[in-house]
Amino acid sequence: MHILITAGPTREPIDAVRYLSNRSSGRMGIAIAEAAIQAGHEVTLLLGPVGDVRLHEEILLLRFETCDELQKLLLEHWPAHDLLIMAAAVADYRPAQWHDGKIERGKDIMLHLSPTPDLVKQMAQNKAAHQHVVAFALESADVLEERAAEKLKRKGVDAIVANPLATMDSPDVSATWLTAEGLRLDLDHMDKSAFARRLVALATAL
């Protein structure tokens, strides 16, 4: 199976120096890519700005920084793959205007933010009959499953990983797997490598 995986954050520029980003390390997506290669699949990894990484030599690595750059890579590579696992933490908003040079310090500024394209929904809407899309939902525990189920339906994906905020900086993962067909599985207290192997098995069985 040909698997396309996204990982890491995006950076949306404010000026030539500053940007909006998030705390994503990309470790989960990288672990999924490694697990998929170990399971015998062909893997393309689209990775955001997380520094240099060492990967299995058979993983095709392509880098992005902004949401627009990731969108371009997805539009180019998604048609040739069977499965898309969207583990990247894509910014929901970006500055509506980019400032050339560096904004001078010493005065108040107001940033006008515009929504970024919904890449998960876009890829799900443009998938062929043989293709499947897996998304991630990162929410606080009290609303996690409700919002993940809503996101699953609204974006039209085949499955979603409901991931509580508490796991962001933890070496272990406790998440819930939800599918469009109504399957629900708790995936509790696994390290990222074990979780990635389980996720690849579930996703490739869709």
Protein backbone atom coordinates (compact mmCIF):
# COMPACT_ATOMS: atom_id res chain seq x y z
CA MET A 1 0.00 0.00 0.00
CA HIS A 2 1.14 3.55 -0.77
CA ILE A 3 0.75 5.68 2.37
CA LEU A 4 1.02 9.47 2.56
CA ILE A 5 1.67 10.88 6.05
CA THR A 6 1.83 14.47 7.25
CA ALA A 7 3.62 15.49 10.45
CA GLY A 8 4.84 18.49 12.39
CA PRO A 9 3.62 22.09 12.66
CA THR A 10 3.14 24.83 10.13
CA ARG A 11 4.66 28.30 10.38
CA GLU A 12 2.61 31.23 9.14
CA PRO A 13 4.76 34.37 8.71
CA ILE A 14 3.92 37.66 10.41
CA ASP A 15 6.97 39.46 9.06
CA ALA A 16 10.43 38.50 7.84
CA VAL A 17 11.40 37.33 11.35
CA ARG A 18 8.28 36.31 13.27
CA TYR A 19 5.66 33.65 12.64
CA LEU A 20 2.62 31.93 14.16
CA SER A 21 3.14 28.25 14.94
CA ASN A 22 2.34 25.57 17.53
CA ARG A 23 4.06 23.07 19.80
CA SER A 24 3.87 20.05 17.51
CA SER A 25 7.14 18.09 17.47
CA GLY A 26 6.24 15.83 14.55
CA ARG A 27 7.25 12.77 16.60
CA MET A 28 3.90 11.04 16.21
CA GLY A 29 3.82 11.35 12.44
CA ILE A 30 7.44 10.25 12.18
CA ALA A 31 6.68 7.19 14.33
CA ILE A 32 3.73 6.36 12.06
CA ALA A 33 5.94 6.63 8.98
CA GLU A 34 8.54 4.31 10.52
CA ALA A 35 5.84 1.82 11.55
CA ALA A 36 4.35 1.84 8.05
CA ILE A 37 7.74 1.13 6.45
CA GLN A 38 8.35 -1.71 8.93
CA ALA A 39 4.96 -3.15 7.96
CA GLY A 40 6.05 -3.32 4.32
CA HIS A 41 4.27 -0.28 2.89
CA GLU A 42 5.62 2.46 0.63
CA VAL A 43 5.69 5.74 2.53
CA THR A 44 5.85 9.42 1.66
CA LEU A 45 6.28 11.71 4.67
CA LEU A 46 5.41 15.40 4.41
CA LEU A 47 7.19 16.99 7.37
CA GLY A 48 6.97 20.50 8.78
CA PRO A 49 9.72 22.63 10.34
CA VAL A 50 10.99 20.41 13.16
CA GLY A 51 14.71 20.41 12.39
CA ASP A 52 16.78 17.57 11.01
CA VAL A 53 15.50 14.01 11.47
CA ARG A 54 16.94 10.56 10.79
CA LEU A 55 14.50 8.30 8.96
CA HIS A 56 14.45 4.88 7.38
CA GLU A 57 16.17 5.24 4.01
CA GLU A 58 13.09 4.02 2.11
CA ILE A 59 10.85 6.83 3.40
CA LEU A 60 10.43 9.59 0.81
CA LEU A 61 10.76 12.81 2.83
CA LEU A 62 9.38 16.12 1.57
CA ARG A 63 9.42 19.30 3.67
CA PHE A 64 6.93 22.14 4.07
CA GLU A 65 6.71 25.23 6.22
CA THR A 66 3.37 26.96 5.58
CA CYS A 67 -0.15 25.66 5.09
CA ASP A 68 0.01 26.67 1.43
CA GLU A 69 3.19 24.66 0.92
CA LEU A 70 1.60 21.61 2.53
CA GLN A 71 -1.52 22.04 0.41
CA LYS A 72 0.60 22.09 -2.75
CA LEU A 73 2.40 18.89 -1.74
CA LEU A 74 -0.87 17.15 -0.89
CA LEU A 75 -2.48 18.09 -4.19
CA GLU A 76 0.58 16.77 -6.01
CA HIS A 77 1.07 13.50 -4.14
CA TRP A 78 -2.33 12.40 -2.77
CA PRO A 79 -3.65 11.04 -6.11
CA ALA A 80 -0.83 8.45 -6.23
CA HIS A 81 -1.47 7.09 -2.71
CA ASP A 82 -4.02 4.76 -1.16
CA LEU A 83 -4.08 6.10 2.40
CA LEU A 84 -3.58 9.56 3.89
CA ILE A 85 -2.79 9.95 7.61
CA MET A 86 -3.03 13.64 8.52
CA ALA A 87 -0.98 13.87 11.71
CA ALA A 88 0.36 17.38 10.98
CA ALA A 89 -0.76 20.21 13.26
CA VAL A 90 -1.85 22.66 10.58
CA ALA A 91 -2.57 26.22 11.69
CA ASP A 92 -6.26 27.11 11.76
CA TYR A 93 -5.47 30.80 11.19
CA ARG A 94 -2.73 32.88 9.60
CA PRO A 95 -1.97 36.60 9.35
CA ALA A 96 -4.09 38.16 6.63
CA GLN A 97 -1.19 40.41 5.66
CA TRP A 98 2.52 39.66 5.61
CA HIS A 99 4.79 42.55 6.55
CA ASP A 100 7.92 43.00 4.44
CA GLY A 101 10.95 43.34 6.69
CA LYS A 102 10.70 43.36 10.48
CA ILE A 103 7.88 45.10 12.36
CA GLU A 104 9.38 47.77 14.59
CA ARG A 105 9.15 47.22 18.32
CA GLY A 106 7.69 49.86 20.63
CA LYS A 107 4.10 50.29 19.56
CA ASP A 108 0.92 48.27 19.73
CA ILE A 109 0.05 46.25 16.67
CA MET A 110 -3.10 44.40 15.74
CA LEU A 111 -2.92 41.17 13.76
CA HIS A 112 -5.84 40.37 11.50
CA LEU A 113 -6.08 36.59 11.14
CA SER A 114 -7.74 34.71 8.31
CA PRO A 115 -8.73 31.02 8.33
CA THR A 116 -6.46 28.63 6.48
CA PRO A 117 -7.86 26.10 3.98
CA ASP A 118 -9.27 22.94 5.57
CA LEU A 119 -6.78 20.52 4.05
CA VAL A 120 -8.22 17.39 5.67
CA LYS A 121 -11.70 18.13 4.32
CA GLN A 122 -10.31 19.06 0.92
CA MET A 123 -8.40 15.79 0.58
CA ALA A 124 -11.37 13.75 1.83
CA GLN A 125 -13.68 15.39 -0.71
CA ASN A 126 -11.28 14.62 -3.53
CA LYS A 127 -10.46 11.00 -2.72
CA ALA A 128 -11.14 8.14 -5.09
CA ALA A 129 -13.17 5.08 -4.13
CA HIS A 130 -10.07 3.10 -3.14
CA GLN A 131 -8.55 5.89 -1.04
CA HIS A 132 -9.00 6.48 2.70
CA VAL A 133 -8.27 9.46 4.95
CA VAL A 134 -7.42 9.35 8.66
CA ALA A 135 -7.52 12.60 10.64
CA PHE A 136 -6.50 13.60 14.16
CA ALA A 137 -8.46 15.59 16.74
CA LEU A 138 -6.57 17.18 19.64
CA GLU A 139 -8.94 18.44 22.33
CA SER A 140 -9.31 18.66 26.09
CA ALA A 141 -10.55 15.41 27.65
CA ASP A 142 -13.99 16.71 28.65
CA VAL A 143 -15.05 17.42 25.05
CA LEU A 144 -12.68 15.13 23.16
CA GLU A 145 -14.96 12.40 21.85
CA GLU A 146 -17.86 14.71 21.10
CA ARG A 147 -15.73 17.06 19.03
CA ALA A 148 -13.83 14.23 17.36
CA ALA A 149 -17.08 12.57 16.27
CA GLU A 150 -18.35 15.88 14.92
CA LYS A 151 -15.09 16.46 13.05
CA LEU A 152 -15.20 12.93 11.61
CA LYS A 153 -18.61 13.61 10.10
CA ARG A 154 -18.04 17.24 9.04
CA LYS A 155 -14.77 16.56 7.24
CA GLY A 156 -15.92 13.34 5.61
CA VAL A 157 -12.92 11.26 6.69
CA ASP A 158 -12.92 7.49 7.13
CA ALA A 159 -11.49 7.50 10.65
CA ILE A 160 -10.21 9.88 13.29
CA VAL A 161 -7.80 9.61 16.21
CA ALA A 162 -9.23 11.45 19.23
CA ASN A 163 -6.14 12.55 21.11
CA PRO A 164 -6.36 14.37 24.49
CA LEU A 165 -4.26 17.48 25.08
CA ALA A 166 -2.53 15.76 28.01
CA THR A 167 -0.63 13.47 25.64
CA MET A 168 1.04 16.33 23.76
CA ASP A 169 4.23 16.34 25.83
CA SER A 170 3.95 12.79 27.13
CA PRO A 171 6.02 9.81 25.93
CA ASP A 172 2.84 7.71 26.11
CA VAL A 173 -0.36 7.95 24.11
CA SER A 174 -3.93 7.31 25.22
CA ALA A 175 -6.36 7.95 22.38
CA THR A 176 -9.63 6.75 20.88
CA TRP A 177 -10.09 5.42 17.34
CA LEU A 178 -13.41 6.33 15.72
CA THR A 179 -14.53 5.33 12.23
CA ALA A 180 -17.26 6.53 9.90
CA GLU A 181 -18.81 3.06 10.18
CA GLY A 182 -19.27 3.45 13.93
CA LEU A 183 -16.30 1.50 15.30
CA ARG A 184 -14.85 2.80 18.56
CA LEU A 185 -11.61 1.52 20.11
CA ASP A 186 -9.70 2.77 23.13
CA LEU A 187 -5.94 2.78 22.57
CA ASP A 188 -4.59 3.34 26.06
CA HIS A 189 -1.16 3.82 27.62
CA MET A 190 1.11 2.93 24.71
CA ASP A 191 4.44 4.47 23.86
CA LYS A 192 4.47 6.31 20.54
CA SER A 193 6.10 3.43 18.64
CA ALA A 194 3.56 0.86 19.83
CA PHE A 195 0.71 3.28 19.17
CA ALA A 196 2.01 3.96 15.66
CA ARG A 197 2.13 0.24 14.86
CA ARG A 198 -1.44 -0.21 16.08
CA LEU A 199 -2.62 2.81 14.14
CA VAL A 200 -1.03 1.61 10.91
CA ALA A 201 -2.73 -1.78 11.33
CA LEU A 202 -6.12 -0.15 11.88
CA ALA A 203 -5.75 2.40 9.09
CA THR A 204 -4.61 -0.09 6.45
CA ALA A 205 -7.60 -2.29 7.27
CA LEU A 206 -10.15 0.41 6.41
